[in-house]
Protein backbone atom coordinates (compact mmCIF):
# COMPACT_ATOMS: atom_id res chain seq x y z
CA MET A 1 127.37 93.06 58.64
CA HIS A 2 128.88 89.91 57.01
CA GLN A 3 127.50 86.49 57.98
CA PRO A 4 130.78 85.22 59.44
CA VAL A 5 131.09 88.26 61.72
CA ARG A 6 127.53 87.75 62.98
CA LYS A 7 128.27 84.13 63.74
CA ARG A 8 131.43 85.02 65.66
CA ILE A 9 129.53 87.65 67.71
CA ALA A 10 126.65 85.18 68.41
CA THR A 11 129.12 82.50 69.42
CA GLY A 12 130.92 84.95 71.74
CA VAL A 13 127.61 85.98 73.42
CA ILE A 14 126.61 82.34 73.88
CA LEU A 15 130.01 81.39 75.43
CA LEU A 16 129.90 84.37 77.71
CA THR A 17 126.39 83.47 78.78
CA VAL A 18 127.38 79.88 79.46
CA LEU A 19 130.38 81.07 81.46
CA VAL A 20 128.29 83.37 83.63
CA LEU A 21 125.76 80.52 84.22
CA LEU A 22 128.47 78.11 85.20
CA LEU A 23 129.97 80.61 87.59
CA PHE A 24 126.53 81.28 89.06
CA SER A 25 125.72 77.64 89.50
CA ALA A 26 129.19 76.86 91.01
CA ARG A 27 129.13 79.64 93.49
CA ASN A 28 127.45 77.50 96.21
CA LEU A 29 130.22 74.82 95.94
CA PHE A 30 132.94 77.47 95.88
CA VAL A 31 131.63 79.40 98.91
CA ARG A 32 131.02 76.18 100.92
CA LYS A 33 134.53 74.94 100.28
CA TYR A 34 136.00 78.31 101.04
CA ILE A 35 134.17 78.66 104.35
CA ASP A 36 134.86 75.06 105.35
CA ARG A 37 138.59 75.61 104.76
CA LYS A 38 138.57 78.84 106.77
CA LEU A 39 136.63 77.15 109.63
CA ASP A 40 139.12 74.27 109.69
CA LYS A 41 141.99 76.75 110.21
CA ILE A 42 140.15 78.57 112.89
CA GLU A 43 139.27 75.30 114.67
CA GLU A 44 142.87 74.20 114.66
CA ALA A 45 144.31 77.55 115.66
CA ARG A 46 141.75 78.31 118.41
CA ARG A 47 140.99 74.76 119.53
CA LEU A 48 137.32 75.06 118.70
CA SER A 49 134.54 72.91 117.26
CA ILE A 50 132.42 74.96 114.78
CA HIS A 51 129.23 73.42 113.36
CA TYR A 52 126.51 74.56 110.98
CA ASP A 53 123.36 72.89 109.77
CA ASP A 54 123.23 74.37 106.25
CA ILE A 55 124.86 76.99 104.02
CA HIS A 56 123.60 78.39 100.74
CA MET A 57 123.83 81.48 98.57
CA LEU A 58 121.20 84.23 98.48
CA GLY A 59 121.13 85.97 95.12
CA LEU A 60 124.44 86.93 93.59
CA SER A 61 126.37 87.97 96.68
CA GLY A 62 124.62 86.76 99.80
CA ILE A 63 125.30 83.77 102.05
CA GLN A 64 122.96 82.32 104.67
CA ILE A 65 124.37 79.96 107.31
CA ASP A 66 121.82 78.20 109.51
CA GLY A 67 122.24 76.53 112.87
CA VAL A 68 125.63 77.78 113.86
CA SER A 69 127.35 76.68 117.05
CA VAL A 70 130.86 77.31 118.43
CA ILE A 71 132.17 75.08 121.18
CA PRO A 72 135.72 75.46 122.61
CA LEU A 73 137.42 72.20 123.36
CA ASP A 74 136.84 70.98 126.94
CA ALA A 75 134.57 74.00 127.66
CA ASP A 76 130.96 75.10 127.55
CA THR A 77 129.20 76.21 124.33
CA PHE A 78 130.28 79.77 123.49
CA LEU A 79 127.92 80.70 120.66
CA GLN A 80 124.69 79.52 119.02
CA SER A 81 122.76 81.24 116.32
CA ARG A 82 119.59 80.58 114.37
CA SER A 83 121.01 82.11 111.22
CA PHE A 84 123.66 84.40 109.81
CA ARG A 85 123.21 86.34 106.57
CA ILE A 86 126.39 87.58 105.11
CA LYS A 87 126.62 90.15 102.33
CA LEU A 88 129.74 89.82 100.17
CA GLU A 89 131.57 92.24 97.96
CA LEU A 90 130.30 91.23 94.47
CA SER A 91 133.40 92.41 92.58
CA GLU A 92 135.62 90.26 94.82
CA LEU A 93 133.40 87.24 94.41
CA PHE A 94 133.86 87.27 90.65
CA LEU A 95 137.61 87.04 91.29
CA PHE A 96 137.03 83.97 93.49
CA LYS A 97 137.81 86.03 96.64
CA ILE A 98 135.53 86.60 99.62
CA SER A 99 135.29 89.96 101.32
CA VAL A 100 132.52 90.53 103.90
CA LYS A 101 130.52 93.70 103.47
CA SER A 102 127.99 93.23 106.22
CA ILE A 103 126.37 90.60 108.52
CA GLU A 104 122.89 90.02 109.76
CA ALA A 105 122.38 87.58 112.66
CA GLU A 106 119.06 86.29 114.02
CA GLY A 107 118.64 84.52 117.38
CA LEU A 108 122.30 84.94 118.45
CA ASN A 109 123.13 83.58 121.93
CA VAL A 110 126.63 84.18 123.29
CA SER A 111 127.69 82.81 126.70
CA PHE A 112 130.79 83.90 128.57
CA ILE A 113 131.42 81.31 131.26
CA LYS A 114 134.38 81.30 133.68
CA ASN A 115 135.07 78.40 136.03
CA ASN A 116 137.94 79.02 138.40
CA ASN A 117 141.02 79.46 136.16
CA THR A 118 139.38 78.37 132.86
CA SER A 119 136.84 79.94 130.67
CA ASN A 120 135.06 79.31 127.30
CA PHE A 121 136.23 82.60 125.88
CA GLU A 122 139.99 82.46 126.31
CA PHE A 123 140.44 82.32 122.54
CA LEU A 124 139.11 85.92 122.19
CA TYR A 125 141.77 87.46 124.44
CA HIS A 126 143.75 89.72 122.18
CA GLY A 127 143.81 93.21 123.68
CA ALA A 128 140.10 93.69 124.25
CA THR A 129 139.42 96.53 126.68
CA ALA A 130 136.39 97.91 128.43
CA PRO A 131 134.80 101.19 127.25
CA GLU A 132 135.37 104.49 128.90
CA ALA A 133 131.94 105.49 130.09
CA PRO A 134 130.83 108.63 131.99
CA VAL A 135 129.26 106.97 135.03
CA GLN A 136 128.57 108.32 138.53
CA SER A 137 127.94 105.59 141.09
CA GLY A 138 130.17 102.63 142.00
CA ALA A 139 127.37 100.20 141.19
CA GLU A 140 126.75 101.76 137.78
CA ARG A 141 130.47 101.87 137.10
CA ASN A 142 130.77 98.20 137.87
CA PHE A 143 127.89 97.32 135.54
CA ALA A 144 129.27 99.56 132.76
CA GLN A 145 132.68 97.93 132.96
CA ARG A 146 131.25 94.46 132.82
CA THR A 147 129.01 95.30 129.98
CA GLY A 148 131.76 97.09 128.09
CA LYS A 149 134.14 94.17 128.43
CA ILE A 150 131.49 91.71 127.14
CA PHE A 151 130.69 93.96 124.13
CA GLY A 152 134.32 94.51 123.43
CA LEU A 153 134.85 90.77 123.05
CA LEU A 154 131.70 90.27 121.04
CA PHE A 155 132.39 93.13 118.60
CA LYS A 156 135.77 91.66 117.74
CA LEU A 157 133.80 89.01 115.85
CA LEU A 158 131.86 91.50 113.70
CA PRO A 159 132.58 93.57 110.62
CA ASP A 160 132.17 97.39 110.44
CA ASN A 161 128.50 96.94 109.40
CA ALA A 162 126.27 94.42 111.23
CA THR A 163 122.68 93.97 112.35
CA LEU A 164 121.84 91.61 115.23
CA ARG A 165 118.30 90.68 116.09
CA ASN A 166 117.22 88.88 119.31
CA LEU A 167 120.66 88.94 120.72
CA SER A 168 121.29 87.38 124.10
CA VAL A 169 124.60 87.67 125.93
CA SER A 170 125.28 86.05 129.28
CA TYR A 171 128.21 86.08 131.71
CA GLN A 172 128.76 83.64 134.59
CA ASN A 173 131.69 83.75 137.06
CA LYS A 174 131.86 82.45 140.67
CA GLY A 175 128.12 82.56 141.28
CA ASP A 176 127.62 85.95 139.63
CA GLU A 177 125.28 85.93 136.63
CA LEU A 178 124.62 88.73 134.12
CA LEU A 179 122.19 88.42 131.20
CA ILE A 180 121.97 91.07 128.54
CA GLU A 181 119.11 90.93 126.02
CA ILE A 182 119.06 93.19 122.98
CA PRO A 183 116.01 93.08 120.60
CA SER A 184 117.99 94.81 117.79
CA LEU A 185 121.52 96.08 117.43
CA MET A 186 122.78 97.86 114.30
CA ILE A 187 126.41 98.71 113.71
CA LYS A 188 126.82 101.09 110.81
CA ASP A 189 130.31 102.40 109.84
CA ASN A 190 131.54 101.33 113.33
CA ASN A 191 128.82 103.33 115.17
CA PHE A 192 125.99 101.87 117.15
CA THR A 193 123.04 102.78 119.46
CA THR A 194 120.95 100.10 121.16
CA GLY A 195 118.56 99.38 124.01
CA ILE A 196 119.62 96.85 126.62
CA ARG A 197 117.56 94.76 129.08
CA SER A 198 119.83 93.38 131.75
CA THR A 199 119.35 90.95 134.65
CA GLU A 200 122.23 90.72 137.09
CA ASN A 201 121.73 88.22 139.90
CA GLY A 202 117.93 88.52 139.64
CA ILE A 203 117.89 92.37 139.45
CA GLN A 204 116.42 93.75 136.23
CA SER A 205 117.11 97.10 134.52
CA GLU A 206 116.98 98.84 131.21
CA TRP A 207 119.79 100.86 129.57
CA VAL A 208 120.73 102.65 126.38
CA CYS A 209 124.24 101.99 125.03
CA GLU A 210 125.63 104.16 122.22
CA GLY A 211 129.10 104.65 120.91
CA SER A 212 131.63 103.67 118.25
CA LEU A 213 134.26 101.04 117.58
CA GLN A 214 137.81 102.25 117.27
CA ASP A 215 140.53 100.80 115.03
CA LYS A 216 141.00 97.19 113.95
CA GLU A 217 141.07 95.94 117.57
CA LYS A 218 137.39 96.99 117.96
CA LYS A 219 138.06 99.02 121.10
CA ILE A 220 134.78 100.60 122.32
CA GLU A 221 134.26 104.25 123.10
CA ALA A 222 130.72 104.22 124.50
CA ARG A 223 128.19 105.96 126.80
CA LEU A 224 125.87 103.77 128.89
CA HIS A 225 122.79 105.49 130.47
CA ALA A 226 119.31 104.64 131.76
CA ARG A 227 116.30 104.88 129.50
CA GLU A 228 114.42 108.15 129.81
CA ASN A 229 111.45 107.97 132.23
CA THR A 230 112.54 104.52 133.32
CA LYS A 231 113.08 103.60 136.98
CA ILE A 232 116.39 101.81 137.32
CA THR A 233 117.49 99.50 140.05
CA LEU A 234 121.24 99.34 139.95
CA PRO A 235 122.88 95.90 140.55
CA SER A 236 125.07 95.81 143.59
C-alpha cells in the first residue's frame, strides 16, 4: 500500500475516533438540555413544578436522575423518588434523538390526595379506568376498584418495560386513607405480577396483583387475589 493511502486511512481513523470521543463527552450536556426542555414543556402544560438533584449518563445509553420531585401548583407533592435509571435506545441516541427503552425506579413515593373538589393528580385524568377484576365480596370489590384506579393512573407514567423497587403509593380522600407498599414491581412487555401490602384506615392485608396493560392508554386488565396461606382482613 502506498504511503499517501496509508496516511489518508490513518487520518480518517483518527478523525473518526475524535468524533466518537466528542460525541461521548458531549452526551451529558445533550441529554441534560433535552430533558430540561421536555420538563419545561410539561411544567407549563400541566401546571407542575418538577425538580431533580442530579442527572448524569451511565455508560453509552443509560441515564440516572437522582432526587426527583413533582409538585402540582397549589397542591400537595405528588411524586418523590430516590433515583430513576433510564435505558435509552442507543441507535436513536447517535441520531441525537431520545427513545426510552426501559425505566428502573428506586424509592418511589406517589401520593394521590383529594381535598373537596381539588386534587394533586388532576393532571393525570385522560381516560384512566379501573381494572376488571374477578372479585366476590363487596369489600373486596371496593378495594380492587380503588387499587385498580390508582395503578391505572400510575402506569400511564411508565413505558412498556419498567422495574420499581420500594414503591409506596398512598391515597387520601375525605378521611379515608389507603397505603399500598410494593417491594418490587416488574413490567415486561406490558405484563406484570407483584405482591402488595396494603393498609386501609388502619387495616392491613396482603394481596397479589397480576395482569397486563392494554393499548397506549395503559388500561389495566388485572386479577387481584389474596396471597396463598395468608389470612386476609378485608377493609370495609
